[in-house]
Amino acid sequence: MKKHLPADEMKKDLDILLSKINALEVSAPNDYQKGIIKVLRALVEGQIHSVNEFEHLKKAIDLVTLQLFEVKNKTNS
């Protein structure tokens, strides 16, 4: 099973993909293709947002865990 990429690499890959999608939009000859490209852009931007939110959640969980240990240490003292 393949491991997940680190968040920074995922964001970098998604940014590259977003750049390619933007380049496709410029060369799209008709409205149908432009519509498909808008959908692709929305999906990639949503994925970037999800990666960012996941990073925030990991930090929040770390902070809550630290607070729990501090409370546990204070009650044991």
N, C-alpha and C. Protein backbone atom coordinates (compact mmCIF):
# COMPACT_ATOMS: atom_id res chain seq x y z
N MET A 1 0.84 -1.18 0.00
CA MET A 1 0.00 0.00 0.00
C MET A 1 0.89 1.25 0.00
N LYS A 2 0.55 2.18 -0.84
CA LYS A 2 1.34 3.40 -0.98
C LYS A 2 1.06 4.36 0.16
N LYS A 3 2.13 4.96 0.70
CA LYS A 3 1.95 5.93 1.79
C LYS A 3 1.47 7.27 1.23
N HIS A 4 0.80 8.02 2.10
CA HIS A 4 0.35 9.36 1.71
C HIS A 4 1.54 10.30 1.64
N LEU A 5 1.45 11.25 0.74
CA LEU A 5 2.47 12.29 0.65
C LEU A 5 2.31 13.26 1.81
N PRO A 6 3.39 13.90 2.23
CA PRO A 6 3.25 14.97 3.23
C PRO A 6 2.39 16.10 2.67
N ALA A 7 1.79 16.86 3.57
CA ALA A 7 0.86 17.93 3.17
C ALA A 7 1.52 18.94 2.24
N ASP A 8 2.77 19.28 2.51
CA ASP A 8 3.46 20.26 1.66
C ASP A 8 3.59 19.77 0.22
N GLU A 9 3.92 18.47 0.08
CA GLU A 9 4.05 17.91 -1.27
C GLU A 9 2.70 17.84 -1.97
N MET A 10 1.66 17.48 -1.21
CA MET A 10 0.32 17.43 -1.80
C MET A 10 -0.11 18.81 -2.28
N LYS A 11 0.15 19.84 -1.45
CA LYS A 11 -0.23 21.20 -1.84
C LYS A 11 0.56 21.64 -3.08
N LYS A 12 1.84 21.28 -3.12
CA LYS A 12 2.66 21.63 -4.28
C LYS A 12 2.12 20.96 -5.54
N ASP A 13 1.81 19.66 -5.44
CA ASP A 13 1.26 18.93 -6.59
C ASP A 13 -0.08 19.51 -7.03
N LEU A 14 -0.92 19.86 -6.06
CA LEU A 14 -2.22 20.44 -6.39
C LEU A 14 -2.09 21.82 -7.01
N ASP A 15 -1.10 22.60 -6.55
CA ASP A 15 -0.85 23.91 -7.16
C ASP A 15 -0.40 23.76 -8.61
N ILE A 16 0.45 22.77 -8.86
CA ILE A 16 0.90 22.51 -10.23
C ILE A 16 -0.29 22.10 -11.10
N LEU A 17 -1.13 21.24 -10.55
CA LEU A 17 -2.32 20.80 -11.27
C LEU A 17 -3.26 21.98 -11.56
N LEU A 18 -3.40 22.86 -10.59
CA LEU A 18 -4.24 24.05 -10.78
C LEU A 18 -3.68 24.95 -11.88
N SER A 19 -2.36 25.08 -11.93
CA SER A 19 -1.73 25.87 -13.00
C SER A 19 -2.01 25.26 -14.37
N LYS A 20 -1.94 23.93 -14.44
CA LYS A 20 -2.22 23.26 -15.72
C LYS A 20 -3.68 23.44 -16.12
N ILE A 21 -4.58 23.38 -15.14
CA ILE A 21 -6.00 23.58 -15.42
C ILE A 21 -6.24 25.00 -15.93
N ASN A 22 -5.57 25.98 -15.32
CA ASN A 22 -5.71 27.37 -15.78
C ASN A 22 -5.20 27.53 -17.21
N ALA A 23 -4.11 26.84 -17.53
CA ALA A 23 -3.58 26.91 -18.89
C ALA A 23 -4.55 26.26 -19.88
N LEU A 24 -5.20 25.18 -19.46
CA LEU A 24 -6.19 24.54 -20.32
C LEU A 24 -7.36 25.46 -20.62
N GLU A 25 -7.76 26.24 -19.62
CA GLU A 25 -8.90 27.14 -19.81
C GLU A 25 -8.61 28.17 -20.90
N VAL A 26 -7.39 28.63 -20.95
CA VAL A 26 -7.02 29.64 -21.95
C VAL A 26 -7.13 29.05 -23.35
N SER A 27 -6.78 27.77 -23.48
CA SER A 27 -6.79 27.16 -24.82
C SER A 27 -8.08 26.41 -25.14
N ALA A 28 -9.06 26.40 -24.22
CA ALA A 28 -10.31 25.69 -24.47
C ALA A 28 -11.09 26.37 -25.59
N PRO A 29 -11.48 25.60 -26.62
CA PRO A 29 -12.13 26.22 -27.78
C PRO A 29 -13.63 26.46 -27.63
N ASN A 30 -14.30 25.78 -26.68
CA ASN A 30 -15.75 25.96 -26.61
C ASN A 30 -16.23 26.02 -25.16
N ASP A 31 -17.49 26.35 -25.00
CA ASP A 31 -18.06 26.53 -23.66
C ASP A 31 -18.13 25.22 -22.88
N TYR A 32 -18.34 24.11 -23.58
CA TYR A 32 -18.41 22.81 -22.90
C TYR A 32 -17.09 22.52 -22.19
N GLN A 33 -15.99 22.67 -22.90
CA GLN A 33 -14.68 22.40 -22.31
C GLN A 33 -14.37 23.40 -21.20
N LYS A 34 -14.77 24.65 -21.38
CA LYS A 34 -14.56 25.64 -20.32
C LYS A 34 -15.35 25.28 -19.08
N GLY A 35 -16.56 24.73 -19.26
CA GLY A 35 -17.36 24.29 -18.13
C GLY A 35 -16.71 23.13 -17.38
N ILE A 36 -16.18 22.18 -18.13
CA ILE A 36 -15.48 21.04 -17.52
C ILE A 36 -14.26 21.54 -16.74
N ILE A 37 -13.55 22.48 -17.30
CA ILE A 37 -12.36 23.03 -16.64
C ILE A 37 -12.75 23.74 -15.35
N LYS A 38 -13.88 24.44 -15.34
CA LYS A 38 -14.33 25.09 -14.10
C LYS A 38 -14.63 24.07 -13.02
N VAL A 39 -15.21 22.94 -13.42
CA VAL A 39 -15.49 21.87 -12.46
C VAL A 39 -14.17 21.31 -11.92
N LEU A 40 -13.22 21.06 -12.81
CA LEU A 40 -11.91 20.56 -12.37
C LEU A 40 -11.24 21.53 -11.41
N ARG A 41 -11.31 22.82 -11.73
CA ARG A 41 -10.70 23.83 -10.86
C ARG A 41 -11.36 23.81 -9.48
N ALA A 42 -12.68 23.71 -9.45
CA ALA A 42 -13.39 23.68 -8.17
C ALA A 42 -12.99 22.46 -7.35
N LEU A 43 -12.82 21.32 -8.01
CA LEU A 43 -12.41 20.11 -7.30
C LEU A 43 -11.00 20.24 -6.72
N VAL A 44 -10.09 20.77 -7.52
CA VAL A 44 -8.71 20.93 -7.05
C VAL A 44 -8.64 21.95 -5.92
N GLU A 45 -9.36 23.06 -6.06
CA GLU A 45 -9.37 24.07 -4.99
C GLU A 45 -9.98 23.50 -3.72
N GLY A 46 -11.01 22.67 -3.87
CA GLY A 46 -11.61 22.02 -2.71
C GLY A 46 -10.64 21.07 -2.03
N GLN A 47 -9.86 20.36 -2.83
CA GLN A 47 -8.87 19.45 -2.27
C GLN A 47 -7.78 20.22 -1.53
N ILE A 48 -7.34 21.34 -2.07
CA ILE A 48 -6.34 22.18 -1.40
C ILE A 48 -6.90 22.66 -0.06
N HIS A 49 -8.16 23.09 -0.08
CA HIS A 49 -8.80 23.54 1.15
C HIS A 49 -8.88 22.40 2.18
N SER A 50 -9.19 21.20 1.72
CA SER A 50 -9.28 20.05 2.62
C SER A 50 -7.92 19.74 3.26
N VAL A 51 -6.87 19.81 2.47
CA VAL A 51 -5.52 19.56 3.01
C VAL A 51 -5.18 20.61 4.06
N ASN A 52 -5.50 21.88 3.78
CA ASN A 52 -5.23 22.95 4.75
C ASN A 52 -6.04 22.74 6.03
N GLU A 53 -7.31 22.39 5.90
CA GLU A 53 -8.16 22.17 7.07
C GLU A 53 -7.67 20.99 7.89
N PHE A 54 -7.20 19.94 7.21
CA PHE A 54 -6.68 18.78 7.91
C PHE A 54 -5.45 19.16 8.74
N GLU A 55 -4.61 20.00 8.19
CA GLU A 55 -3.44 20.47 8.94
C GLU A 55 -3.87 21.24 10.18
N HIS A 56 -4.90 22.08 10.05
CA HIS A 56 -5.41 22.83 11.21
C HIS A 56 -5.97 21.88 12.26
N LEU A 57 -6.68 20.85 11.81
CA LEU A 57 -7.25 19.88 12.75
C LEU A 57 -6.16 19.12 13.49
N LYS A 58 -5.09 18.75 12.78
CA LYS A 58 -3.99 18.06 13.45
C LYS A 58 -3.38 18.94 14.53
N LYS A 59 -3.20 20.22 14.23
CA LYS A 59 -2.65 21.15 15.23
C LYS A 59 -3.59 21.29 16.42
N ALA A 60 -4.89 21.36 16.14
CA ALA A 60 -5.87 21.49 17.23
C ALA A 60 -5.87 20.25 18.11
N ILE A 61 -5.78 19.08 17.51
CA ILE A 61 -5.73 17.84 18.29
C ILE A 61 -4.48 17.81 19.15
N ASP A 62 -3.35 18.25 18.60
CA ASP A 62 -2.11 18.31 19.39
C ASP A 62 -2.26 19.24 20.58
N LEU A 63 -2.88 20.40 20.38
CA LEU A 63 -3.08 21.34 21.49
C LEU A 63 -4.01 20.78 22.55
N VAL A 64 -5.08 20.12 22.14
CA VAL A 64 -6.00 19.51 23.10
C VAL A 64 -5.30 18.40 23.88
N THR A 65 -4.49 17.62 23.19
CA THR A 65 -3.74 16.55 23.87
C THR A 65 -2.79 17.12 24.90
N LEU A 66 -2.09 18.20 24.56
CA LEU A 66 -1.20 18.85 25.53
C LEU A 66 -1.97 19.35 26.74
N GLN A 67 -3.13 19.95 26.50
CA GLN A 67 -3.95 20.44 27.60
C GLN A 67 -4.40 19.30 28.50
N LEU A 68 -4.75 18.17 27.91
CA LEU A 68 -5.17 17.02 28.71
C LEU A 68 -4.03 16.52 29.59
N PHE A 69 -2.83 16.47 29.04
CA PHE A 69 -1.68 16.03 29.84
C PHE A 69 -1.38 17.02 30.96
N GLU A 70 -1.53 18.32 30.67
CA GLU A 70 -1.31 19.32 31.72
C GLU A 70 -2.33 19.17 32.84
N VAL A 71 -3.58 18.96 32.49
CA VAL A 71 -4.62 18.76 33.51
C VAL A 71 -4.35 17.50 34.29
N LYS A 72 -3.96 16.44 33.62
CA LYS A 72 -3.66 15.18 34.30
C LYS A 72 -2.50 15.35 35.27
N ASN A 73 -1.46 16.06 34.85
CA ASN A 73 -0.30 16.28 35.72
C ASN A 73 -0.67 17.14 36.92
N LYS A 74 -1.54 18.13 36.74
CA LYS A 74 -1.96 18.98 37.86
C LYS A 74 -2.81 18.20 38.86
N THR A 75 -3.65 17.31 38.37
CA THR A 75 -4.49 16.53 39.29
C THR A 75 -3.69 15.48 40.02
N ASN A 76 -2.60 15.00 39.42
CA ASN A 76 -1.76 13.99 40.08
C ASN A 76 -0.78 14.63 41.06
N SER A 77 -0.57 15.92 40.97
CA SER A 77 0.41 16.60 41.83
C SER A 77 -0.15 16.87 43.20
